């Protein structure tokens, strides 16, 4: 059986604000979502979805101070066998009347297909004792610090 993912909506950016605009039939799924402070947005790297990138399993030095080569599963690259991304977002508002979820930030291009929304649960989504390689030591310690962090100091873009 072949897996099939259907977008539930799309990423929207308007006037410096970020939204997930849901298809109308999913609106009732927003019931009680606003009881949570954060969500996990699951989305599709549609601009990087091609056969060549799906077959690219090792990349050259994405991190400035990292190893010369790194495997796709040790990265957060958009070039993946299945170009799926997950972003933790602060939930700012749920507009059930307009089928819209406002978040503080979503690192997806406008129009990006959103596959799912899940509430963030510390009991299953937060890890107490995390081990990271030395070449990731300079990354922000938490989500809240990521917005002000200069990511160009870490990656070879």
Protein backbone atom coordinates (compact mmCIF):
# COMPACT_ATOMS: atom_id res chain seq x y z
CA UNK A 1 0.00 0.00 0.00
CA UNK A 2 1.37 3.41 -0.96
CA UNK A 3 1.26 6.16 1.66
CA UNK A 4 -0.73 9.25 0.70
CA UNK A 5 -0.50 12.60 2.47
CA UNK A 6 -3.10 15.24 1.84
CA UNK A 7 -2.42 18.81 2.93
CA UNK A 8 -4.85 20.21 5.48
CA UNK A 9 -3.94 23.78 4.58
CA UNK A 10 -1.06 26.07 3.73
CA UNK A 11 1.43 28.45 5.30
CA UNK A 12 0.53 32.13 5.03
CA UNK A 13 2.64 35.20 5.75
CA UNK A 14 0.89 38.57 5.92
CA UNK A 15 2.28 41.83 7.24
CA UNK A 16 4.99 40.10 9.25
CA UNK A 17 2.53 37.62 10.79
CA UNK A 18 2.42 33.85 10.28
CA UNK A 19 -0.66 31.70 9.85
CA UNK A 20 -1.76 28.24 8.91
CA UNK A 21 -4.81 28.58 6.70
CA UNK A 22 -6.85 25.37 6.90
CA UNK A 23 -9.14 23.92 4.28
CA UNK A 24 -12.74 24.41 5.45
CA UNK A 25 -13.48 20.76 6.13
CA UNK A 26 -10.78 20.70 8.85
CA UNK A 27 -12.14 23.66 10.84
CA UNK A 28 -13.87 21.53 13.47
CA UNK A 29 -10.48 19.92 14.17
CA UNK A 30 -9.41 23.21 15.76
CA UNK A 31 -11.79 22.69 18.70
CA UNK A 32 -9.84 23.20 21.98
CA UNK A 33 -6.51 23.75 20.20
CA UNK A 34 -6.40 27.19 21.80
CA UNK A 35 -6.10 25.48 25.19
CA UNK A 36 -2.42 24.92 24.29
CA UNK A 37 0.42 27.45 24.19
CA UNK A 38 2.44 25.69 21.47
CA UNK A 39 1.90 23.41 18.49
CA UNK A 40 3.94 21.27 16.16
CA UNK A 41 3.29 22.15 12.52
CA UNK A 42 4.08 19.34 10.07
CA UNK A 43 4.70 20.57 6.55
CA UNK A 44 6.01 19.58 3.12
CA UNK A 45 9.21 21.03 1.58
CA UNK A 46 7.33 21.34 -1.72
CA UNK A 47 9.95 23.59 -3.32
CA UNK A 48 12.60 20.89 -2.77
CA UNK A 49 10.48 17.91 -3.77
CA UNK A 50 12.20 16.30 -6.74
CA UNK A 51 13.72 12.90 -7.45
CA UNK A 52 17.31 14.17 -7.38
CA UNK A 53 17.02 15.65 -3.87
CA UNK A 54 15.15 12.58 -2.62
CA UNK A 55 18.18 10.47 -3.63
CA UNK A 56 20.78 12.76 -2.01
CA UNK A 57 21.77 11.07 1.28
CA UNK A 58 25.11 12.69 2.10
CA UNK A 59 25.84 16.41 1.94
CA UNK A 60 28.97 18.52 2.04
CA UNK A 61 29.70 20.46 5.24
CA UNK A 62 26.41 22.22 6.05
CA UNK A 63 27.86 23.41 9.40
CA UNK A 64 30.81 25.83 9.44
CA UNK A 65 32.59 24.04 12.28
CA UNK A 66 31.18 20.60 11.49
CA UNK A 67 32.42 17.52 9.68
CA UNK A 68 33.19 17.62 5.95
CA UNK A 69 30.30 15.24 5.17
CA UNK A 70 27.04 14.59 6.98
CA UNK A 71 24.19 12.16 6.34
CA UNK A 72 20.70 13.41 5.62
CA UNK A 73 19.35 11.82 8.82
CA UNK A 74 21.92 13.78 10.88
CA UNK A 75 20.70 17.04 9.36
CA UNK A 76 17.61 19.18 9.15
CA UNK A 77 18.09 19.68 5.42
CA UNK A 78 15.12 20.08 3.11
CA UNK A 79 16.68 17.52 0.76
CA UNK A 80 15.30 14.27 2.14
CA UNK A 81 13.84 10.95 1.00
CA UNK A 82 10.48 12.39 2.10
CA UNK A 83 10.75 16.18 2.36
CA UNK A 84 8.76 16.58 5.58
CA UNK A 85 9.47 19.23 8.21
CA UNK A 86 8.25 19.78 11.76
CA UNK A 87 8.29 23.21 13.38
CA UNK A 88 7.49 23.97 17.01
CA UNK A 89 5.45 27.19 17.13
CA UNK A 90 3.99 29.37 19.85
CA UNK A 91 0.24 29.41 19.28
CA UNK A 92 -0.98 33.01 19.23
CA UNK A 93 -4.60 32.62 18.15
CA UNK A 94 -7.12 30.18 16.73
CA UNK A 95 -9.72 31.71 14.42
CA UNK A 96 -12.24 28.91 13.89
CA UNK A 97 -14.56 31.20 11.94
CA UNK A 98 -11.89 31.77 9.27
CA UNK A 99 -10.13 28.39 9.65
CA UNK A 100 -6.90 30.08 10.62
CA UNK A 101 -4.19 29.39 13.19
CA UNK A 102 -1.81 32.24 14.00
CA UNK A 103 1.68 31.30 15.20
CA UNK A 104 4.69 33.37 16.19
CA UNK A 105 6.82 31.96 13.35
CA UNK A 106 6.73 29.20 10.77
CA UNK A 107 9.92 28.55 8.80
CA UNK A 108 8.03 27.60 5.67
CA UNK A 109 7.58 29.60 2.48
CA UNK A 110 4.19 31.19 1.89
CA UNK A 111 1.95 28.64 0.18
CA UNK A 112 3.78 25.65 1.64
CA UNK A 113 1.44 22.67 2.16
CA UNK A 114 0.77 21.96 5.84
CA UNK A 115 0.14 18.27 6.50
CA UNK A 116 -0.85 18.29 10.16
CA UNK A 117 -1.00 20.24 13.41
CA UNK A 118 -0.33 18.60 16.76
CA UNK A 119 -0.41 20.13 20.23
CA UNK A 120 2.99 20.38 21.89
CA UNK A 121 3.14 18.13 24.97
CA UNK A 122 6.20 18.40 27.25
CA UNK A 123 5.60 14.82 28.44
CA UNK A 124 6.29 13.47 24.94
CA UNK A 125 8.00 16.31 23.05
CA UNK A 126 10.61 17.60 25.52
CA UNK A 127 13.75 15.62 26.27
CA UNK A 128 15.58 16.16 29.55
CA UNK A 129 19.09 14.85 28.80
CA UNK A 130 20.00 15.73 25.21
CA UNK A 131 23.40 14.94 23.70
CA UNK A 132 24.55 16.95 20.69
CA UNK A 133 27.84 16.84 18.77
CA UNK A 134 30.41 19.56 19.51
CA UNK A 135 29.80 21.16 16.11
CA UNK A 136 26.25 21.98 17.28
CA UNK A 137 27.31 23.37 20.67
CA UNK A 138 26.83 27.00 19.60
CA UNK A 139 23.16 26.47 18.66
CA UNK A 140 20.55 28.15 20.88
CA UNK A 141 19.65 26.18 23.99
CA UNK A 142 15.92 26.56 23.46
CA UNK A 143 13.26 27.46 20.96
CA UNK A 144 12.66 30.90 22.46
CA UNK A 145 16.28 31.91 21.79
CA UNK A 146 16.23 30.78 18.15
CA UNK A 147 14.46 33.84 16.75
CA UNK A 148 17.22 36.26 17.75
CA UNK A 149 20.05 33.86 16.87
CA UNK A 150 22.25 34.64 13.84
CA UNK A 151 21.99 31.34 11.97
CA UNK A 152 24.45 32.54 9.33
CA UNK A 153 27.22 32.02 11.88
CA UNK A 154 26.48 28.29 11.93
CA UNK A 155 25.65 27.25 8.35
CA UNK A 156 27.53 27.40 5.06
CA UNK A 157 24.82 29.13 3.05
